[in-house]
Amino acid sequence: MSVPNPRYRCPLGRLQPNRSDPEATKREGWREQGILVISPDDDRLDWVERELVQRIGERLYGRRQARHG
């Protein structure tokens, strides 16, 4: 007989917004808390903006590790 395992639901989960759109989460974070989340590989940036994001990231957090595979 196969008995399904009940899923444990963390009580803190109800405090998090149920959002599947990461761009909306980023937009809300910027507008409400001044937190900017951006990838230096974002296609919406031109070369100068990408370079600026890359340099800021390296200065604050060090160089990115090379991707393998």
C-alpha atoms as a PDB file:
ATOM      1  CA  MET A   1       0.000   0.000   0.000  1.00  0.00           C
ATOM      2  CA  SER A   2       1.362   3.380  -0.987  1.00  0.00           C
ATOM      3  CA  VAL A   3       0.750   6.151   1.532  1.00  0.00           C
ATOM      4  CA  PRO A   4       1.645   9.663   0.383  1.00  0.00           C
ATOM      5  CA  ASN A   5       3.915  11.636   2.684  1.00  0.00           C
ATOM      6  CA  PRO A   6       2.261  14.798   3.981  1.00  0.00           C
ATOM      7  CA  ARG A   7       4.118  17.950   2.949  1.00  0.00           C
ATOM      8  CA  TYR A   8       5.406  19.994   5.832  1.00  0.00           C
ATOM      9  CA  ARG A   9       4.581  23.647   5.312  1.00  0.00           C
ATOM     10  CA  CYS A  10       6.849  26.044   7.109  1.00  0.00           C
ATOM     11  CA  PRO A  11       4.849  28.618   9.108  1.00  0.00           C
ATOM     12  CA  LEU A  12       7.164  31.365   7.825  1.00  0.00           C
ATOM     13  CA  GLY A  13       6.156  30.618   4.242  1.00  0.00           C
ATOM     14  CA  ARG A  14       2.952  32.590   4.599  1.00  0.00           C
ATOM     15  CA  LEU A  15       4.966  35.727   5.356  1.00  0.00           C
ATOM     16  CA  GLN A  16       6.730  35.642   1.980  1.00  0.00           C
ATOM     17  CA  PRO A  17       5.060  37.101  -1.081  1.00  0.00           C
ATOM     18  CA  ASN A  18       3.819  34.435  -3.468  1.00  0.00           C
ATOM     19  CA  ARG A  19       5.372  35.787  -6.616  1.00  0.00           C
ATOM     20  CA  SER A  20       6.629  33.918  -9.635  1.00  0.00           C
ATOM     21  CA  ASP A  21       7.943  37.009 -11.467  1.00  0.00           C
ATOM     22  CA  PRO A  22      11.508  37.772 -10.355  1.00  0.00           C
ATOM     23  CA  GLU A  23      11.490  41.115 -12.198  1.00  0.00           C
ATOM     24  CA  ALA A  24       8.525  42.276 -10.115  1.00  0.00           C
ATOM     25  CA  THR A  25      10.402  41.295  -6.951  1.00  0.00           C
ATOM     26  CA  LYS A  26      13.477  43.234  -8.104  1.00  0.00           C
ATOM     27  CA  ARG A  27      11.353  46.265  -9.011  1.00  0.00           C
ATOM     28  CA  GLU A  28       9.629  46.230  -5.624  1.00  0.00           C
ATOM     29  CA  GLY A  29      12.969  45.871  -3.814  1.00  0.00           C
ATOM     30  CA  TRP A  30      14.350  48.899  -5.642  1.00  0.00           C
ATOM     31  CA  ARG A  31      11.296  51.082  -5.143  1.00  0.00           C
ATOM     32  CA  GLU A  32      10.619  50.221  -1.519  1.00  0.00           C
ATOM     33  CA  GLN A  33      14.069  49.494  -0.064  1.00  0.00           C
ATOM     34  CA  GLY A  34      16.595  50.941  -2.505  1.00  0.00           C
ATOM     35  CA  ILE A  35      18.063  47.493  -3.227  1.00  0.00           C
ATOM     36  CA  LEU A  36      19.299  47.005  -6.783  1.00  0.00           C
ATOM     37  CA  VAL A  37      19.673  43.479  -8.162  1.00  0.00           C
ATOM     38  CA  ILE A  38      21.193  43.336 -11.618  1.00  0.00           C
ATOM     39  CA  SER A  39      23.358  40.970 -13.616  1.00  0.00           C
ATOM     40  CA  PRO A  40      26.270  42.366 -15.594  1.00  0.00           C
ATOM     41  CA  ASP A  41      25.045  40.101 -18.393  1.00  0.00           C
ATOM     42  CA  ASP A  42      21.627  41.808 -18.595  1.00  0.00           C
ATOM     43  CA  ASP A  43      20.800  42.505 -22.254  1.00  0.00           C
ATOM     44  CA  ARG A  44      19.083  45.778 -21.343  1.00  0.00           C
ATOM     45  CA  LEU A  45      22.436  47.336 -20.417  1.00  0.00           C
ATOM     46  CA  ASP A  46      24.850  48.864 -22.898  1.00  0.00           C
ATOM     47  CA  TRP A  47      28.590  48.155 -22.734  1.00  0.00           C
ATOM     48  CA  VAL A  48      29.387  51.094 -20.419  1.00  0.00           C
ATOM     49  CA  GLU A  49      26.633  50.134 -17.954  1.00  0.00           C
ATOM     50  CA  ARG A  50      27.735  46.479 -17.948  1.00  0.00           C
ATOM     51  CA  GLU A  51      31.319  47.479 -17.260  1.00  0.00           C
ATOM     52  CA  LEU A  52      30.207  49.748 -14.406  1.00  0.00           C
ATOM     53  CA  VAL A  53      28.122  46.985 -12.806  1.00  0.00           C
ATOM     54  CA  GLN A  54      31.034  44.557 -13.206  1.00  0.00           C
ATOM     55  CA  ARG A  55      33.504  46.936 -11.553  1.00  0.00           C
ATOM     56  CA  ILE A  56      31.184  47.763  -8.657  1.00  0.00           C
ATOM     57  CA  GLY A  57      30.576  44.053  -8.035  1.00  0.00           C
ATOM     58  CA  GLU A  58      34.283  43.269  -8.114  1.00  0.00           C
ATOM     59  CA  ARG A  59      35.123  46.125  -5.775  1.00  0.00           C
ATOM     60  CA  LEU A  60      32.483  45.131  -3.219  1.00  0.00           C
ATOM     61  CA  TYR A  61      32.587  41.334  -3.477  1.00  0.00           C
ATOM     62  CA  GLY A  62      35.691  40.308  -5.446  1.00  0.00           C
ATOM     63  CA  ARG A  63      35.966  38.658  -8.830  1.00  0.00           C
ATOM     64  CA  ARG A  64      33.355  36.223 -10.062  1.00  0.00           C
ATOM     65  CA  GLN A  65      34.369  32.599 -10.362  1.00  0.00           C
ATOM     66  CA  ALA A  66      34.649  31.192 -13.860  1.00  0.00           C
ATOM     67  CA  ARG A  67      31.710  29.068 -14.928  1.00  0.00           C
ATOM     68  CA  HIS A  68      32.484  25.453 -15.708  1.00  0.00           C
ATOM     69  CA  GLY A  69      30.310  23.355 -17.939  1.00  0.00           C
END
